[in-house]
Amino acid sequence: MGCKTLEQELDLRDLWHMVANRWQFIVVIPLVAMLISAVVSIFFITPQYQSSATLLVLKQQPEQSLQYSDLQISRQLVQTYREIARSRRVLDSVIDNLKLDYSYGQLREKVEVTSVRDTEVIHITVTDPNPRLARRIANQVADSFKAQTEEIMQLESVTILDYAVIPSRPVSPRIPLNIAIALVVGLMVAAGLVFLLEYLDNTVKTPEDVQEYLGLPVLGIIPYVEEE
């Protein structure tokens, strides 16, 4: 047990010396990585804004009271609603009404439809570099979705609960997160480089190295004395 503890202490001491001898890598590489991440995030990545409209979709016959079965069917149709909201029929009308320069495929990439678990509530979220345009597109998609759904399925009751508003801050890039990731990656790269250099370093530094690499006994050690 004592021998194992001694070996662990020696390993930790060797590890500490290895890091201490090349501390510049441990400090400089993460700092450079963080600096690059900050510069790229601030100056080279276009900020993206998100704006969402909220809708309530119920399957209900006209002039009939709402039944529990209607709620169950509405929940099962959520995937259908997602596809309708991102369909060419809906998005082409949005492009025409807002006179957008986006193609159908480009606009579809910007539109995301999600549902609130175990409810009939869906969110139509639009991501765009222009916060005002993100709001306009989200609201227009909601209006077009409401009109097209009631026309196509005829039995649907769609209510817009909340129209989208202008977002106050971008959702990306997340600069603090990017810098934190760069720090972790930088530390990993620095540690890997330190271990690689240590592995490739075949110079003799200690009496143990003489015995291990040269197979020669150590007869004595001459201490280093600094000149006054």
Protein backbone atom coordinates (compact mmCIF):
# COMPACT_ATOMS: atom_id res chain seq x y z
CA MET A 1 0.00 0.00 0.00
CA GLY A 2 2.83 2.36 0.94
CA CYS A 3 4.67 1.49 -2.26
CA LYS A 4 1.61 2.26 -4.35
CA THR A 5 1.17 5.60 -2.60
CA LEU A 6 4.83 6.44 -3.24
CA GLU A 7 4.41 5.59 -6.93
CA GLN A 8 1.35 7.81 -7.14
CA GLU A 9 3.24 10.65 -5.49
CA LEU A 10 6.08 10.22 -7.96
CA ASP A 11 3.66 10.18 -10.91
CA LEU A 12 1.96 13.34 -9.68
CA ARG A 13 5.32 14.98 -9.11
CA ASP A 14 6.45 14.04 -12.62
CA LEU A 15 3.19 15.37 -14.00
CA TRP A 16 3.61 18.63 -12.12
CA HIS A 17 7.17 19.04 -13.40
CA MET A 18 6.02 18.27 -16.93
CA VAL A 19 3.36 21.00 -16.77
CA ALA A 20 5.63 23.45 -14.95
CA ASN A 21 8.37 23.08 -17.55
CA ARG A 22 5.95 23.93 -20.35
CA TRP A 23 3.52 26.23 -18.58
CA GLN A 24 3.67 28.65 -21.48
CA PHE A 25 1.61 26.25 -23.60
CA ILE A 26 -1.00 25.84 -20.85
CA VAL A 27 -1.39 29.62 -20.57
CA VAL A 28 -0.88 30.91 -24.10
CA ILE A 29 -2.89 28.40 -26.15
CA PRO A 30 -6.17 28.78 -24.19
CA LEU A 31 -5.78 32.58 -24.18
CA VAL A 32 -5.24 32.63 -27.94
CA ALA A 33 -8.20 30.30 -28.46
CA MET A 34 -10.44 32.53 -26.32
CA LEU A 35 -9.27 35.65 -28.16
CA ILE A 36 -9.92 34.09 -31.57
CA SER A 37 -13.35 32.89 -30.44
CA ALA A 38 -14.28 36.35 -29.16
CA VAL A 39 -13.09 38.10 -32.34
CA VAL A 40 -14.89 35.65 -34.63
CA SER A 41 -18.09 35.79 -32.56
CA ILE A 42 -18.16 39.59 -32.43
CA PHE A 43 -16.90 40.60 -35.87
CA PHE A 44 -17.47 37.67 -38.24
CA ILE A 45 -20.70 35.95 -37.14
CA THR A 46 -23.91 37.72 -38.11
CA PRO A 47 -26.26 38.06 -35.12
CA GLN A 48 -29.50 36.12 -35.46
CA TYR A 49 -32.81 37.14 -33.89
CA GLN A 50 -35.85 35.00 -33.14
CA SER A 51 -39.47 36.06 -32.93
CA SER A 52 -42.41 33.75 -32.17
CA ALA A 53 -46.17 33.78 -32.63
CA THR A 54 -48.35 31.51 -30.47
CA LEU A 55 -51.46 29.78 -31.78
CA LEU A 56 -54.17 27.54 -30.37
CA VAL A 57 -55.48 24.90 -32.77
CA LEU A 58 -58.63 22.92 -31.92
CA LYS A 59 -60.51 20.36 -33.97
CA GLN A 60 -64.10 21.45 -33.51
CA GLN A 61 -67.25 21.12 -35.56
CA PRO A 62 -69.05 24.43 -36.16
CA GLU A 63 -71.85 25.12 -33.69
CA GLN A 64 -70.81 22.21 -31.47
CA SER A 65 -69.41 22.20 -27.97
CA LEU A 66 -65.80 21.18 -27.46
CA GLN A 67 -65.40 17.52 -26.49
CA TYR A 68 -62.45 15.69 -24.90
CA SER A 69 -62.05 13.69 -28.11
CA ASP A 70 -61.53 16.95 -29.99
CA LEU A 71 -58.58 17.75 -27.73
CA GLN A 72 -57.05 14.32 -28.29
CA ILE A 73 -57.38 14.60 -32.05
CA SER A 74 -55.88 18.10 -31.98
CA ARG A 75 -52.81 16.83 -30.15
CA GLN A 76 -52.38 14.04 -32.69
CA LEU A 77 -52.51 16.56 -35.54
CA VAL A 78 -49.59 18.65 -34.30
CA GLN A 79 -47.19 17.12 -36.83
CA THR A 80 -49.69 17.92 -39.57
CA TYR A 81 -49.79 21.52 -38.41
CA ARG A 82 -46.01 21.70 -38.51
CA GLU A 83 -45.93 20.59 -42.13
CA ILE A 84 -48.73 22.94 -43.14
CA ALA A 85 -47.03 25.94 -41.53
CA ARG A 86 -43.83 25.22 -43.47
CA SER A 87 -45.54 24.18 -46.69
CA ARG A 88 -45.00 25.92 -50.01
CA ARG A 89 -48.63 27.04 -50.04
CA VAL A 90 -48.22 28.97 -46.79
CA LEU A 91 -44.69 30.28 -47.26
CA ASP A 92 -45.17 31.36 -50.87
CA SER A 93 -48.07 33.53 -49.73
CA VAL A 94 -45.80 35.01 -47.04
CA ILE A 95 -43.12 35.78 -49.64
CA ASP A 96 -45.69 37.46 -51.89
CA ASN A 97 -47.38 39.48 -49.14
CA LEU A 98 -44.13 40.76 -47.63
CA LYS A 99 -42.31 40.97 -50.99
CA LEU A 100 -39.37 39.03 -49.58
CA ASP A 101 -36.16 38.31 -51.48
CA TYR A 102 -36.04 34.82 -49.99
CA SER A 103 -36.81 31.69 -51.96
CA TYR A 104 -39.20 29.10 -50.56
CA GLY A 105 -36.30 26.92 -49.43
CA GLN A 106 -34.52 29.81 -47.74
CA LEU A 107 -37.65 30.89 -45.88
CA ARG A 108 -38.45 27.33 -44.84
CA GLU A 109 -35.04 27.11 -43.15
CA LYS A 110 -35.92 30.18 -41.10
CA VAL A 111 -39.30 28.90 -39.87
CA GLU A 112 -39.58 26.45 -36.98
CA VAL A 113 -42.86 25.10 -35.61
CA THR A 114 -42.94 23.59 -32.12
CA SER A 115 -45.71 22.45 -29.82
CA VAL A 116 -46.21 22.67 -26.08
CA ARG A 117 -46.32 19.15 -24.66
CA ASP A 118 -49.83 17.76 -24.05
CA THR A 119 -51.51 20.93 -25.30
CA GLU A 120 -52.99 22.28 -28.53
CA VAL A 121 -50.65 25.28 -28.44
CA ILE A 122 -48.01 25.70 -31.14
CA HIS A 123 -45.26 28.27 -31.58
CA ILE A 124 -44.20 29.56 -34.98
CA THR A 125 -40.64 30.86 -34.61
CA VAL A 126 -38.69 32.74 -37.26
CA THR A 127 -34.93 33.35 -37.19
CA ASP A 128 -33.46 36.24 -39.17
CA PRO A 129 -30.60 38.77 -38.95
CA ASN A 130 -33.19 41.57 -39.01
CA PRO A 131 -35.26 41.58 -35.78
CA ARG A 132 -38.12 43.59 -37.31
CA LEU A 133 -38.29 41.31 -40.31
CA ALA A 134 -38.28 38.25 -38.04
CA ARG A 135 -41.37 39.61 -36.31
CA ARG A 136 -43.14 40.46 -39.58
CA ILE A 137 -42.45 37.03 -41.05
CA ALA A 138 -43.60 35.21 -37.90
CA ASN A 139 -46.88 37.14 -37.81
CA GLN A 140 -47.46 36.68 -41.53
CA VAL A 141 -46.79 32.94 -41.29
CA ALA A 142 -49.27 32.76 -38.41
CA ASP A 143 -51.95 34.60 -40.40
CA SER A 144 -51.33 32.55 -43.53
CA PHE A 145 -51.28 29.31 -41.53
CA LYS A 146 -54.61 30.20 -39.91
CA ALA A 147 -56.22 30.99 -43.27
CA GLN A 148 -54.83 27.97 -45.11
CA THR A 149 -55.59 25.51 -42.30
CA GLU A 150 -59.22 26.58 -42.02
CA GLU A 151 -59.56 26.45 -45.80
CA ILE A 152 -57.83 23.09 -46.31
CA MET A 153 -59.11 21.14 -43.30
CA GLN A 154 -62.36 23.06 -42.86
CA LEU A 155 -62.99 21.59 -39.41
CA GLU A 156 -60.18 23.48 -37.71
CA SER A 157 -60.53 26.35 -35.29
CA VAL A 158 -57.28 28.33 -35.19
CA THR A 159 -56.79 31.20 -32.74
CA ILE A 160 -53.72 33.41 -32.62
CA LEU A 161 -53.02 33.80 -28.91
CA ASP A 162 -49.98 36.06 -29.18
CA TYR A 163 -48.53 37.84 -32.14
CA ALA A 164 -44.75 38.01 -32.44
CA VAL A 165 -42.87 41.01 -31.07
CA ILE A 166 -39.54 42.56 -32.01
CA PRO A 167 -36.76 40.65 -30.17
CA SER A 168 -34.53 42.83 -28.03
CA ARG A 169 -31.38 40.72 -28.22
CA PRO A 170 -29.92 38.12 -30.60
CA VAL A 171 -30.06 34.40 -29.86
CA SER A 172 -26.69 33.87 -31.54
CA PRO A 173 -23.80 34.06 -31.41
CA ARG A 174 -23.67 33.22 -27.70
CA ILE A 175 -20.36 34.92 -27.04
CA PRO A 176 -19.78 33.80 -23.40
CA LEU A 177 -20.55 30.19 -24.33
CA ASN A 178 -18.27 30.32 -27.37
CA ILE A 179 -15.43 31.72 -25.25
CA ALA A 180 -15.97 29.05 -22.58
CA ILE A 181 -15.87 26.32 -25.23
CA ALA A 182 -12.70 27.84 -26.68
CA LEU A 183 -11.13 27.80 -23.21
CA VAL A 184 -11.90 24.10 -22.74
CA VAL A 185 -10.69 23.20 -26.23
CA GLY A 186 -7.57 25.31 -25.74
CA LEU A 187 -6.73 23.56 -22.48
CA MET A 188 -7.23 20.16 -24.11
CA VAL A 189 -4.99 21.09 -27.05
CA ALA A 190 -2.35 22.52 -24.71
CA ALA A 191 -2.38 19.43 -22.50
CA GLY A 192 -2.13 17.16 -25.52
CA LEU A 193 0.76 19.17 -26.91
CA VAL A 194 2.60 19.09 -23.57
CA PHE A 195 2.23 15.31 -23.32
CA LEU A 196 3.31 14.88 -26.95
CA LEU A 197 6.42 17.01 -26.48
CA GLU A 198 7.25 15.15 -23.29
CA TYR A 199 6.83 11.82 -25.09
CA LEU A 200 9.10 12.91 -27.94
CA ASP A 201 11.70 14.42 -25.59
CA ASN A 202 14.49 11.86 -25.16
CA THR A 203 16.96 14.12 -23.36
CA VAL A 204 18.37 13.00 -20.01
CA LYS A 205 17.28 15.21 -17.14
CA THR A 206 17.32 13.11 -13.95
CA PRO A 207 19.35 10.26 -12.44
CA GLU A 208 16.37 8.02 -13.07
CA ASP A 209 16.57 8.86 -16.79
CA VAL A 210 20.23 7.71 -16.83
CA GLN A 211 19.29 4.35 -15.37
CA GLU A 212 16.18 3.94 -17.52
CA TYR A 213 17.48 5.03 -20.94
CA LEU A 214 21.23 4.30 -20.71
CA GLY A 215 21.18 1.35 -18.32
CA LEU A 216 24.08 2.80 -16.34
CA PRO A 217 24.34 3.09 -12.56
CA VAL A 218 24.47 6.56 -11.05
CA LEU A 219 27.68 6.95 -9.07
CA GLY A 220 27.08 10.47 -7.87
CA ILE A 221 25.29 13.74 -8.41
CA ILE A 222 26.97 17.12 -8.75
CA PRO A 223 24.64 19.80 -7.40
CA TYR A 224 24.14 23.03 -9.31
CA VAL A 225 25.32 26.07 -7.38
CA GLU A 226 24.35 29.53 -8.56
CA GLU A 227 27.18 32.04 -8.77
CA GLU A 228 26.93 34.99 -6.43
